[in-house]
Amino acid sequence: RDALAGDPVIVLAGGHNHAGGETEPLDLAALEVWAVAQQVSAFAV
């Protein structure tokens, strides 16, 4: 949180387990809507 220093962040469902299996699908539509509104120089994933 300190490293972000107020910069935007979105928390999305998704990810995998320790064996590499998908835990939940990734909501790419929500990501796209959020991303186009961000005035940033770069993204971290």
ModelCIF file with pLDDT and N, C-alpha, C, O atoms, coordinates in Angstrom:
data_MODEL
#
_entry.id   MODEL 
#
_entity.id                         1 
_entity.type                       polymer 
_entity.pdbx_number_of_molecules   1 
#
_entity_poly.entity_id                      1 
_entity_poly.type                           'polypeptide(L)' 
_entity_poly.nstd_linkage                   no 
_entity_poly.nstd_monomer                   no 
_entity_poly.pdbx_seq_one_letter_code       RDALAGDPVIVLAGGHNHAGGETEPLDLAALEVWAVAQQVSAFAV 
_entity_poly.pdbx_seq_one_letter_code_can   RDALAGDPVIVLAGGHNHAGGETEPLDLAALEVWAVAQQVSAFAV 
_entity_poly.pdbx_strand_id                 A 
#
loop_
_entity_poly_seq.entity_id 
_entity_poly_seq.num 
_entity_poly_seq.mon_id 
_entity_poly_seq.hetero 
1 1  ARG n 
1 2  ASP n 
1 3  ALA n 
1 4  LEU n 
1 5  ALA n 
1 6  GLY n 
1 7  ASP n 
1 8  PRO n 
1 9  VAL n 
1 10 ILE n 
1 11 VAL n 
1 12 LEU n 
1 13 ALA n 
1 14 GLY n 
1 15 GLY n 
1 16 HIS n 
1 17 ASN n 
1 18 HIS n 
1 19 ALA n 
1 20 GLY n 
1 21 GLY n 
1 22 GLU n 
1 23 THR n 
1 24 GLU n 
1 25 PRO n 
1 26 LEU n 
1 27 ASP n 
1 28 LEU n 
1 29 ALA n 
1 30 ALA n 
1 31 LEU n 
1 32 GLU n 
1 33 VAL n 
1 34 TRP n 
1 35 ALA n 
1 36 VAL n 
1 37 ALA n 
1 38 GLN n 
1 39 GLN n 
1 40 VAL n 
1 41 SER n 
1 42 ALA n 
1 43 PHE n 
1 44 ALA n 
1 45 VAL n 
#
_struct_asym.id          A 
_struct_asym.entity_id   1 
#
loop_
_ma_qa_metric.id 
_ma_qa_metric.mode 
_ma_qa_metric.name 
_ma_qa_metric.software_group_id 
_ma_qa_metric.type 
1 global pLDDT . pLDDT 
2 local  pLDDT . pLDDT 
#
_ma_qa_metric_global.metric_id      1 
_ma_qa_metric_global.metric_value   89.91 
_ma_qa_metric_global.model_id       1 
_ma_qa_metric_global.ordinal_id     1 
#
loop_
_ma_qa_metric_local.label_asym_id 
_ma_qa_metric_local.label_comp_id 
_ma_qa_metric_local.label_seq_id 
_ma_qa_metric_local.metric_id 
_ma_qa_metric_local.metric_value 
_ma_qa_metric_local.model_id 
_ma_qa_metric_local.ordinal_id 
A ARG 1  2 86.00 1 1  
A ASP 2  2 83.00 1 2  
A ALA 3  2 82.00 1 3  
A LEU 4  2 87.00 1 4  
A ALA 5  2 83.00 1 5  
A GLY 6  2 87.00 1 6  
A ASP 7  2 90.00 1 7  
A PRO 8  2 92.00 1 8  
A VAL 9  2 92.00 1 9  
A ILE 10 2 93.00 1 10 
A VAL 11 2 93.00 1 11 
A LEU 12 2 93.00 1 12 
A ALA 13 2 91.00 1 13 
A GLY 14 2 92.00 1 14 
A GLY 15 2 90.00 1 15 
A HIS 16 2 91.00 1 16 
A ASN 17 2 89.00 1 17 
A HIS 18 2 86.00 1 18 
A ALA 19 2 82.00 1 19 
A GLY 20 2 85.00 1 20 
A GLY 21 2 85.00 1 21 
A GLU 22 2 87.00 1 22 
A THR 23 2 91.00 1 23 
A GLU 24 2 91.00 1 24 
A PRO 25 2 93.00 1 25 
A LEU 26 2 93.00 1 26 
A ASP 27 2 90.00 1 27 
A LEU 28 2 93.00 1 28 
A ALA 29 2 91.00 1 29 
A ALA 30 2 93.00 1 30 
A LEU 31 2 94.00 1 31 
A GLU 32 2 92.00 1 32 
A VAL 33 2 92.00 1 33 
A TRP 34 2 94.00 1 34 
A ALA 35 2 93.00 1 35 
A VAL 36 2 91.00 1 36 
A ALA 37 2 90.00 1 37 
A GLN 38 2 91.00 1 38 
A GLN 39 2 89.00 1 39 
A VAL 40 2 89.00 1 40 
A SER 41 2 86.00 1 41 
A ALA 42 2 89.00 1 42 
A PHE 43 2 94.00 1 43 
A ALA 44 2 93.00 1 44 
A VAL 45 2 95.00 1 45 
#
loop_
_atom_site.group_PDB 
_atom_site.id 
_atom_site.type_symbol 
_atom_site.label_atom_id 
_atom_site.label_alt_id 
_atom_site.label_comp_id 
_atom_site.label_asym_id 
_atom_site.label_entity_id 
_atom_site.label_seq_id 
_atom_site.pdbx_PDB_ins_code 
_atom_site.Cartn_x 
_atom_site.Cartn_y 
_atom_site.Cartn_z 
_atom_site.occupancy 
_atom_site.B_iso_or_equiv 
_atom_site.pdbx_formal_charge 
_atom_site.auth_seq_id 
_atom_site.auth_comp_id 
_atom_site.auth_asym_id 
_atom_site.auth_atom_id 
_atom_site.pdbx_PDB_model_num 
ATOM 1   N N  . ARG A 1 1  ? 0.831   -1.203  0.000   1.00 86.00 ? 1  ARG A N  1 
ATOM 2   C CA . ARG A 1 1  ? 0.000   0.000   0.000   1.00 86.00 ? 1  ARG A CA 1 
ATOM 3   C C  . ARG A 1 1  ? 0.866   1.255   0.000   1.00 86.00 ? 1  ARG A C  1 
ATOM 4   O O  . ARG A 1 1  ? 0.561   2.226   -0.692  1.00 86.00 ? 1  ARG A O  1 
ATOM 5   N N  . ASP A 1 2  ? 1.945   1.233   0.776   1.00 83.00 ? 2  ASP A N  1 
ATOM 6   C CA . ASP A 1 2  ? 2.851   2.393   0.811   1.00 83.00 ? 2  ASP A CA 1 
ATOM 7   C C  . ASP A 1 2  ? 3.523   2.600   -0.538  1.00 83.00 ? 2  ASP A C  1 
ATOM 8   O O  . ASP A 1 2  ? 3.708   3.736   -0.975  1.00 83.00 ? 2  ASP A O  1 
ATOM 9   N N  . ALA A 1 3  ? 3.888   1.507   -1.199  1.00 82.00 ? 3  ALA A N  1 
ATOM 10  C CA . ALA A 1 3  ? 4.542   1.623   -2.501  1.00 82.00 ? 3  ALA A CA 1 
ATOM 11  C C  . ALA A 1 3  ? 3.600   2.219   -3.540  1.00 82.00 ? 3  ALA A C  1 
ATOM 12  O O  . ALA A 1 3  ? 4.033   2.960   -4.422  1.00 82.00 ? 3  ALA A O  1 
ATOM 13  N N  . LEU A 1 4  ? 2.316   1.896   -3.438  1.00 87.00 ? 4  LEU A N  1 
ATOM 14  C CA . LEU A 1 4  ? 1.345   2.464   -4.372  1.00 87.00 ? 4  LEU A CA 1 
ATOM 15  C C  . LEU A 1 4  ? 1.161   3.961   -4.146  1.00 87.00 ? 4  LEU A C  1 
ATOM 16  O O  . LEU A 1 4  ? 0.923   4.709   -5.094  1.00 87.00 ? 4  LEU A O  1 
ATOM 17  N N  . ALA A 1 5  ? 1.271   4.398   -2.895  1.00 83.00 ? 5  ALA A N  1 
ATOM 18  C CA . ALA A 1 5  ? 1.229   5.831   -2.566  1.00 83.00 ? 5  ALA A CA 1 
ATOM 19  C C  . ALA A 1 5  ? 0.023   6.520   -3.190  1.00 83.00 ? 5  ALA A C  1 
ATOM 20  O O  . ALA A 1 5  ? 0.142   7.618   -3.733  1.00 83.00 ? 5  ALA A O  1 
ATOM 21  N N  . GLY A 1 6  ? -1.138  5.876   -3.113  1.00 87.00 ? 6  GLY A N  1 
ATOM 22  C CA . GLY A 1 6  ? -2.352  6.496   -3.636  1.00 87.00 ? 6  GLY A CA 1 
ATOM 23  C C  . GLY A 1 6  ? -2.630  6.190   -5.091  1.00 87.00 ? 6  GLY A C  1 
ATOM 24  O O  . GLY A 1 6  ? -3.677  6.587   -5.603  1.00 87.00 ? 6  GLY A O  1 
ATOM 25  N N  . ASP A 1 7  ? -1.736  5.502   -5.778  1.00 90.00 ? 7  ASP A N  1 
ATOM 26  C CA . ASP A 1 7  ? -1.982  5.140   -7.171  1.00 90.00 ? 7  ASP A CA 1 
ATOM 27  C C  . ASP A 1 7  ? -3.090  4.088   -7.243  1.00 90.00 ? 7  ASP A C  1 
ATOM 28  O O  . ASP A 1 7  ? -3.316  3.369   -6.270  1.00 90.00 ? 7  ASP A O  1 
ATOM 29  N N  . PRO A 1 8  ? -3.792  3.984   -8.391  1.00 92.00 ? 8  PRO A N  1 
ATOM 30  C CA . PRO A 1 8  ? -4.976  3.112   -8.464  1.00 92.00 ? 8  PRO A CA 1 
ATOM 31  C C  . PRO A 1 8  ? -4.642  1.627   -8.410  1.00 92.00 ? 8  PRO A C  1 
ATOM 32  O O  . PRO A 1 8  ? -3.566  1.194   -8.822  1.00 92.00 ? 8  PRO A O  1 
ATOM 33  N N  . VAL A 1 9  ? -5.597  0.860   -7.889  1.00 92.00 ? 9  VAL A N  1 
ATOM 34  C CA . VAL A 1 9  ? -5.463  -0.598  -7.811  1.00 92.00 ? 9  VAL A CA 1 
ATOM 35  C C  . VAL A 1 9  ? -6.848  -1.210  -7.982  1.00 92.00 ? 9  VAL A C  1 
ATOM 36  O O  . VAL A 1 9  ? -7.836  -0.655  -7.502  1.00 92.00 ? 9  VAL A O  1 
ATOM 37  N N  . ILE A 1 10 ? -6.922  -2.341  -8.659  1.00 93.00 ? 10 ILE A N  1 
ATOM 38  C CA . ILE A 1 10 ? -8.160  -3.106  -8.748  1.00 93.00 ? 10 ILE A CA 1 
ATOM 39  C C  . ILE A 1 10 ? -7.876  -4.520  -8.249  1.00 93.00 ? 10 ILE A C  1 
ATOM 40  O O  . ILE A 1 10 ? -6.895  -5.148  -8.648  1.00 93.00 ? 10 ILE A O  1 
ATOM 41  N N  . VAL A 1 11 ? -8.756  -5.011  -7.367  1.00 93.00 ? 11 VAL A N  1 
ATOM 42  C CA . VAL A 1 11 ? -8.644  -6.367  -6.835  1.00 93.00 ? 11 VAL A CA 1 
ATOM 43  C C  . VAL A 1 11 ? -9.692  -7.210  -7.544  1.00 93.00 ? 11 VAL A C  1 
ATOM 44  O O  . VAL A 1 11 ? -10.889 -6.941  -7.434  1.00 93.00 ? 11 VAL A O  1 
ATOM 45  N N  . LEU A 1 12 ? -9.248  -8.230  -8.269  1.00 93.00 ? 12 LEU A N  1 
ATOM 46  C CA . LEU A 1 12 ? -10.136 -9.073  -9.073  1.00 93.00 ? 12 LEU A CA 1 
ATOM 47  C C  . LEU A 1 12 ? -10.120 -10.506 -8.571  1.00 93.00 ? 12 LEU A C  1 
ATOM 48  O O  . LEU A 1 12 ? -9.106  -10.992 -8.071  1.00 93.00 ? 12 LEU A O  1 
ATOM 49  N N  . ALA A 1 13 ? -11.255 -11.175 -8.711  1.00 91.00 ? 13 ALA A N  1 
ATOM 50  C CA . ALA A 1 13 ? -11.296 -12.611 -8.446  1.00 91.00 ? 13 ALA A CA 1 
ATOM 51  C C  . ALA A 1 13 ? -10.473 -13.330 -9.512  1.00 91.00 ? 13 ALA A C  1 
ATOM 52  O O  . ALA A 1 13 ? -10.337 -12.853 -10.639 1.00 91.00 ? 13 ALA A O  1 
ATOM 53  N N  . GLY A 1 14 ? -9.930  -14.483 -9.136  1.00 92.00 ? 14 GLY A N  1 
ATOM 54  C CA . GLY A 1 14 ? -9.120  -15.249 -10.073 1.00 92.00 ? 14 GLY A CA 1 
ATOM 55  C C  . GLY A 1 14 ? -7.951  -15.880 -9.368  1.00 92.00 ? 14 GLY A C  1 
ATOM 56  O O  . GLY A 1 14 ? -8.000  -16.110 -8.160  1.00 92.00 ? 14 GLY A O  1 
ATOM 57  N N  . GLY A 1 15 ? -6.898  -16.165 -10.106 1.00 90.00 ? 15 GLY A N  1 
ATOM 58  C CA . GLY A 1 15 ? -5.717  -16.768 -9.521  1.00 90.00 ? 15 GLY A CA 1 
ATOM 59  C C  . GLY A 1 15 ? -5.748  -18.284 -9.585  1.00 90.00 ? 15 GLY A C  1 
ATOM 60  O O  . GLY A 1 15 ? -6.700  -18.880 -10.089 1.00 90.00 ? 15 GLY A O  1 
ATOM 61  N N  . HIS A 1 16 ? -4.698  -18.896 -9.069  1.00 91.00 ? 16 HIS A N  1 
ATOM 62  C CA . HIS A 1 16 ? -4.531  -20.342 -9.101  1.00 91.00 ? 16 HIS A CA 1 
ATOM 63  C C  . HIS A 1 16 ? -4.142  -20.850 -7.717  1.00 91.00 ? 16 HIS A C  1 
ATOM 64  O O  . HIS A 1 16 ? -3.843  -20.065 -6.817  1.00 91.00 ? 16 HIS A O  1 
ATOM 65  N N  . ASN A 1 17 ? -4.149  -22.164 -7.559  1.00 89.00 ? 17 ASN A N  1 
ATOM 66  C CA . ASN A 1 17 ? -3.694  -22.749 -6.302  1.00 89.00 ? 17 ASN A CA 1 
ATOM 67  C C  . ASN A 1 17 ? -2.229  -23.156 -6.421  1.00 89.00 ? 17 ASN A C  1 
ATOM 68  O O  . ASN A 1 17 ? -1.600  -22.950 -7.459  1.00 89.00 ? 17 ASN A O  1 
ATOM 69  N N  . HIS A 1 18 ? -1.692  -23.736 -5.346  1.00 86.00 ? 18 HIS A N  1 
ATOM 70  C CA . HIS A 1 18 ? -0.262  -24.034 -5.316  1.00 86.00 ? 18 HIS A CA 1 
ATOM 71  C C  . HIS A 1 18 ? 0.142   -25.051 -6.372  1.00 86.00 ? 18 HIS A C  1 
ATOM 72  O O  . HIS A 1 18 ? 1.312   -25.128 -6.747  1.00 86.00 ? 18 HIS A O  1 
ATOM 73  N N  . ALA A 1 19 ? -0.832  -25.842 -6.858  1.00 82.00 ? 19 ALA A N  1 
ATOM 74  C CA . ALA A 1 19 ? -0.536  -26.843 -7.876  1.00 82.00 ? 19 ALA A CA 1 
ATOM 75  C C  . ALA A 1 19 ? -0.697  -26.298 -9.290  1.00 82.00 ? 19 ALA A C  1 
ATOM 76  O O  . ALA A 1 19 ? -0.420  -27.002 -10.262 1.00 82.00 ? 19 ALA A O  1 
ATOM 77  N N  . GLY A 1 20 ? -1.142  -25.051 -9.411  1.00 85.00 ? 20 GLY A N  1 
ATOM 78  C CA . GLY A 1 20 ? -1.308  -24.448 -10.727 1.00 85.00 ? 20 GLY A CA 1 
ATOM 79  C C  . GLY A 1 20 ? -2.706  -24.545 -11.284 1.00 85.00 ? 20 GLY A C  1 
ATOM 80  O O  . GLY A 1 20 ? -2.940  -24.153 -12.428 1.00 85.00 ? 20 GLY A O  1 
ATOM 81  N N  . GLY A 1 21 ? -3.651  -25.061 -10.500 1.00 85.00 ? 21 GLY A N  1 
ATOM 82  C CA . GLY A 1 21 ? -5.035  -25.155 -10.962 1.00 85.00 ? 21 GLY A CA 1 
ATOM 83  C C  . GLY A 1 21 ? -5.791  -23.854 -10.725 1.00 85.00 ? 21 GLY A C  1 
ATOM 84  O O  . GLY A 1 21 ? -5.568  -23.178 -9.721  1.00 85.00 ? 21 GLY A O  1 
ATOM 85  N N  . GLU A 1 22 ? -6.681  -23.504 -11.645 1.00 87.00 ? 22 GLU A N  1 
ATOM 86  C CA . GLU A 1 22 ? -7.448  -22.261 -11.534 1.00 87.00 ? 22 GLU A CA 1 
ATOM 87  C C  . GLU A 1 22 ? -8.426  -22.344 -10.380 1.00 87.00 ? 22 GLU A C  1 
ATOM 88  O O  . GLU A 1 22 ? -9.156  -23.326 -10.242 1.00 87.00 ? 22 GLU A O  1 
ATOM 89  N N  . THR A 1 23 ? -8.439  -21.291 -9.538  1.00 91.00 ? 23 THR A N  1 
ATOM 90  C CA . THR A 1 23 ? -9.380  -21.253 -8.415  1.00 91.00 ? 23 THR A CA 1 
ATOM 91  C C  . THR A 1 23 ? -10.686 -20.569 -8.790  1.00 91.00 ? 23 THR A C  1 
ATOM 92  O O  . THR A 1 23 ? -11.760 -21.006 -8.375  1.00 91.00 ? 23 THR A O  1 
ATOM 93  N N  . GLU A 1 24 ? -10.601 -19.505 -9.569  1.00 91.00 ? 24 GLU A N  1 
ATOM 94  C CA . GLU A 1 24 ? -11.782 -18.789 -10.066 1.00 91.00 ? 24 GLU A CA 1 
ATOM 95  C C  . GLU A 1 24 ? -11.455 -18.190 -11.419 1.00 91.00 ? 24 GLU A C  1 
ATOM 96  O O  . GLU A 1 24 ? -10.302 -17.853 -11.687 1.00 91.00 ? 24 GLU A O  1 
ATOM 97  N N  . PRO A 1 25 ? -12.471 -18.051 -12.286 1.00 93.00 ? 25 PRO A N  1 
ATOM 98  C CA . PRO A 1 25 ? -12.219 -17.396 -13.572 1.00 93.00 ? 25 PRO A CA 1 
ATOM 99  C C  . PRO A 1 25 ? -11.860 -15.922 -13.367 1.00 93.00 ? 25 PRO A C  1 
ATOM 100 O O  . PRO A 1 25 ? -12.273 -15.306 -12.384 1.00 93.00 ? 25 PRO A O  1 
ATOM 101 N N  . LEU A 1 26 ? -11.094 -15.367 -14.297 1.00 93.00 ? 26 LEU A N  1 
ATOM 102 C CA . LEU A 1 26 ? -10.698 -13.963 -14.262 1.00 93.00 ? 26 LEU A CA 1 
ATOM 103 C C  . LEU A 1 26 ? -11.706 -13.130 -15.044 1.00 93.00 ? 26 LEU A C  1 
ATOM 104 O O  . LEU A 1 26 ? -12.029 -13.441 -16.190 1.00 93.00 ? 26 LEU A O  1 
ATOM 105 N N  . ASP A 1 27 ? -12.202 -12.062 -14.409 1.00 90.00 ? 27 ASP A N  1 
ATOM 106 C CA . ASP A 1 27 ? -13.203 -11.187 -15.034 1.00 90.00 ? 27 ASP A CA 1 
ATOM 107 C C  . ASP A 1 27 ? -12.492 -10.161 -15.926 1.00 90.00 ? 27 ASP A C  1 
ATOM 108 O O  . ASP A 1 27 ? -12.180 -9.055  -15.484 1.00 90.00 ? 27 ASP A O  1 
ATOM 109 N N  . LEU A 1 28 ? -12.244 -10.536 -17.171 1.00 93.00 ? 28 LEU A N  1 
ATOM 110 C CA . LEU A 1 28 ? -11.524 -9.659  -18.084 1.00 93.00 ? 28 LEU A CA 1 
ATOM 111 C C  . LEU A 1 28 ? -12.353 -8.464  -18.512 1.00 93.00 ? 28 LEU A C  1 
ATOM 112 O O  . LEU A 1 28 ? -11.803 -7.405  -18.818 1.00 93.00 ? 28 LEU A O  1 
ATOM 113 N N  . ALA A 1 29 ? -13.692 -8.621  -18.538 1.00 91.00 ? 29 ALA A N  1 
ATOM 114 C CA . ALA A 1 29 ? -14.550 -7.497  -18.925 1.00 91.00 ? 29 ALA A CA 1 
ATOM 115 C C  . ALA A 1 29 ? -14.451 -6.369  -17.906 1.00 91.00 ? 29 ALA A C  1 
ATOM 116 O O  . ALA A 1 29 ? -14.358 -5.199  -18.278 1.00 91.00 ? 29 ALA A O  1 
ATOM 117 N N  . ALA A 1 30 ? -14.471 -6.717  -16.622 1.00 93.00 ? 30 ALA A N  1 
ATOM 118 C CA . ALA A 1 30 ? -14.347 -5.695  -15.577 1.00 93.00 ? 30 ALA A CA 1 
ATOM 119 C C  . ALA A 1 30 ? -12.982 -5.026  -15.640 1.00 93.00 ? 30 ALA A C  1 
ATOM 120 O O  . ALA A 1 30 ? -12.865 -3.819  -15.431 1.00 93.00 ? 30 ALA A O  1 
ATOM 121 N N  . LEU A 1 31 ? -11.955 -5.811  -15.928 1.00 94.00 ? 31 LEU A N  1 
ATOM 122 C CA . LEU A 1 31 ? -10.615 -5.251  -16.049 1.00 94.00 ? 31 LEU A CA 1 
ATOM 123 C C  . LEU A 1 31 ? -10.552 -4.240  -17.190 1.00 94.00 ? 31 LEU A C  1 
ATOM 124 O O  . LEU A 1 31 ? -9.949  -3.177  -17.040 1.00 94.00 ? 31 LEU A O  1 
ATOM 125 N N  . GLU A 1 32 ? -11.162 -4.555  -18.317 1.00 92.00 ? 32 GLU A N  1 
ATOM 126 C CA . GLU A 1 32 ? -11.110 -3.657  -19.473 1.00 92.00 ? 32 GLU A CA 1 
ATOM 127 C C  . GLU A 1 32 ? -11.804 -2.333  -19.178 1.00 92.00 ? 32 GLU A C  1 
ATOM 128 O O  . GLU A 1 32 ? -11.282 -1.271  -19.515 1.00 92.00 ? 32 GLU A O  1 
ATOM 129 N N  . VAL A 1 33 ? -12.988 -2.390  -18.545 1.00 92.00 ? 33 VAL A N  1 
ATOM 130 C CA . VAL A 1 33 ? -13.721 -1.161  -18.206 1.00 92.00 ? 33 VAL A CA 1 
ATOM 131 C C  . VAL A 1 33 ? -12.895 -0.281  -17.272 1.00 92.00 ? 33 VAL A C  1 
ATOM 132 O O  . VAL A 1 33 ? -12.834 0.936   -17.450 1.00 92.00 ? 33 VAL A O  1 
ATOM 133 N N  . TRP A 1 34 ? -12.264 -0.899  -16.277 1.00 94.00 ? 34 TRP A N  1 
ATOM 134 C CA . TRP A 1 34 ? -11.463 -0.145  -15.302 1.00 94.00 ? 34 TRP A CA 1 
ATOM 135 C C  . TRP A 1 34 ? -10.211 0.436   -15.953 1.00 94.00 ? 34 TRP A C  1 
ATOM 136 O O  . TRP A 1 34 ? -9.853  1.584   -15.690 1.00 94.00 ? 34 TRP A O  1 
ATOM 137 N N  . ALA A 1 35 ? -9.547  -0.345  -16.796 1.00 93.00 ? 35 ALA A N  1 
ATOM 138 C CA . ALA A 1 35 ? -8.250  0.051   -17.334 1.00 93.00 ? 35 ALA A CA 1 
ATOM 139 C C  . ALA A 1 35 ? -8.335  1.296   -18.202 1.00 93.00 ? 35 ALA A C  1 
ATOM 140 O O  . ALA A 1 35 ? -7.444  2.144   -18.147 1.00 93.00 ? 35 ALA A O  1 
ATOM 141 N N  . VAL A 1 36 ? -9.393  1.423   -19.007 1.00 91.00 ? 36 VAL A N  1 
ATOM 142 C CA . VAL A 1 36 ? -9.468  2.555   -19.935 1.00 91.00 ? 36 VAL A CA 1 
ATOM 143 C C  . VAL A 1 36 ? -9.626  3.881   -19.204 1.00 91.00 ? 36 VAL A C  1 
ATOM 144 O O  . VAL A 1 36 ? -9.395  4.939   -19.788 1.00 91.00 ? 36 VAL A O  1 
ATOM 145 N N  . ALA A 1 37 ? -10.017 3.836   -17.931 1.00 90.00 ? 37 ALA A N  1 
ATOM 146 C CA . ALA A 1 37 ? -10.224 5.073   -17.175 1.00 90.00 ? 37 ALA A CA 1 
ATOM 147 C C  . ALA A 1 37 ? -8.981  5.518   -16.420 1.00 90.00 ? 37 ALA A C  1 
ATOM 148 O O  . ALA A 1 37 ? -8.995  6.572   -15.785 1.00 90.00 ? 37 ALA A O  1 
ATOM 149 N N  . GLN A 1 38 ? -7.900  4.732   -16.475 1.00 91.00 ? 38 GLN A N  1 
ATOM 150 C CA . GLN A 1 38 ? -6.719  5.037   -15.668 1.00 91.00 ? 38 GLN A CA 1 
ATOM 151 C C  . GLN A 1 38 ? -5.724  5.908   -16.442 1.00 91.00 ? 38 GLN A C  1 
ATOM 152 O O  . GLN A 1 38 ? -5.359  5.597   -17.576 1.00 91.00 ? 38 GLN A O  1 
ATOM 153 N N  . GLN A 1 39 ? -5.299  6.989   -15.815 1.00 89.00 ? 39 GLN A N  1 
ATOM 154 C CA . GLN A 1 39 ? -4.268  7.854   -16.383 1.00 89.00 ? 39 GLN A CA 1 
ATOM 155 C C  . GLN A 1 39 ? -2.939  7.521   -15.697 1.00 89.00 ? 39 GLN A C  1 
ATOM 156 O O  . GLN A 1 39 ? -2.557  8.148   -14.709 1.00 89.00 ? 39 GLN A O  1 
ATOM 157 N N  . VAL A 1 40 ? -2.255  6.529   -16.243 1.00 89.00 ? 40 VAL A N  1 
ATOM 158 C CA . VAL A 1 40 ? -1.019  6.043   -15.640 1.00 89.00 ? 40 VAL A CA 1 
ATOM 159 C C  . VAL A 1 40 ? 0.031   5.851   -16.724 1.00 89.00 ? 40 VAL A C  1 
ATOM 160 O O  . VAL A 1 40 ? -0.279  5.813   -17.915 1.00 89.00 ? 40 VAL A O  1 
ATOM 161 N N  . SER A 1 41 ? 1.289   5.730   -16.282 1.00 86.00 ? 41 SER A N  1 
ATOM 162 C CA . SER A 1 41 ? 2.385   5.517   -17.230 1.00 86.00 ? 41 SER A CA 1 
ATOM 163 C C  . SER A 1 41 ? 2.617   4.042   -17.508 1.00 86.00 ? 41 SER A C  1 
ATOM 164 O O  . SER A 1 41 ? 3.185   3.695   -18.544 1.00 86.00 ? 41 SER A O  1 
ATOM 165 N N  . ALA A 1 42 ? 2.184   3.153   -16.591 1.00 89.00 ? 42 ALA A N  1 
ATOM 166 C CA . ALA A 1 42 ? 2.418   1.716   -16.757 1.00 89.00 ? 42 ALA A CA 1 
ATOM 167 C C  . ALA A 1 42 ? 1.513   0.948   -15.801 1.00 89.00 ? 42 ALA A C  1 
ATOM 168 O O  . ALA A 1 42 ? 0.961   1.510   -14.854 1.00 89.00 ? 42 ALA A O  1 
ATOM 169 N N  . PHE A 1 43 ? 1.374   -0.356  -16.071 1.00 94.00 ? 43 PHE A N  1 
ATOM 170 C CA . PHE A 1 43 ? 0.576   -1.240  -15.219 1.00 94.00 ? 43 PHE A CA 1 
ATOM 171 C C  . PHE A 1 43 ? 1.463   -2.337  -14.634 1.00 94.00 ? 43 PHE A C  1 
ATOM 172 O O  . PHE A 1 43 ? 2.446   -2.758  -15.245 1.00 94.00 ? 43 PHE A O  1 
ATOM 173 N N  . ALA A 1 44 ? 1.090   -2.789  -13.430 1.00 93.00 ? 44 ALA A N  1 
ATOM 174 C CA . ALA A 1 44 ? 1.702   -3.963  -12.809 1.00 93.00 ? 44 ALA A CA 1 
ATOM 175 C C  . ALA A 1 44 ? 0.608   -5.000  -12.599 1.00 93.00 ? 44 ALA A C  1 
ATOM 176 O O  . ALA A 1 44 ? -0.508  -4.661  -12.208 1.00 93.00 ? 44 ALA A O  1 
ATOM 177 N N  . VAL A 1 45 ? 0.928   -6.265  -12.860 1.00 95.00 ? 45 VAL A N  1 
ATOM 178 C CA . VAL A 1 45 ? -0.045  -7.346  -12.720 1.00 95.00 ? 45 VAL A CA 1 
ATOM 179 C C  . VAL A 1 45 ? 0.550   -8.424  -11.824 1.00 95.00 ? 45 VAL A C  1 
ATOM 180 O O  . VAL A 1 45 ? -0.097  -9.438  -11.565 1.00 95.00 ? 45 VAL A O  1 
#
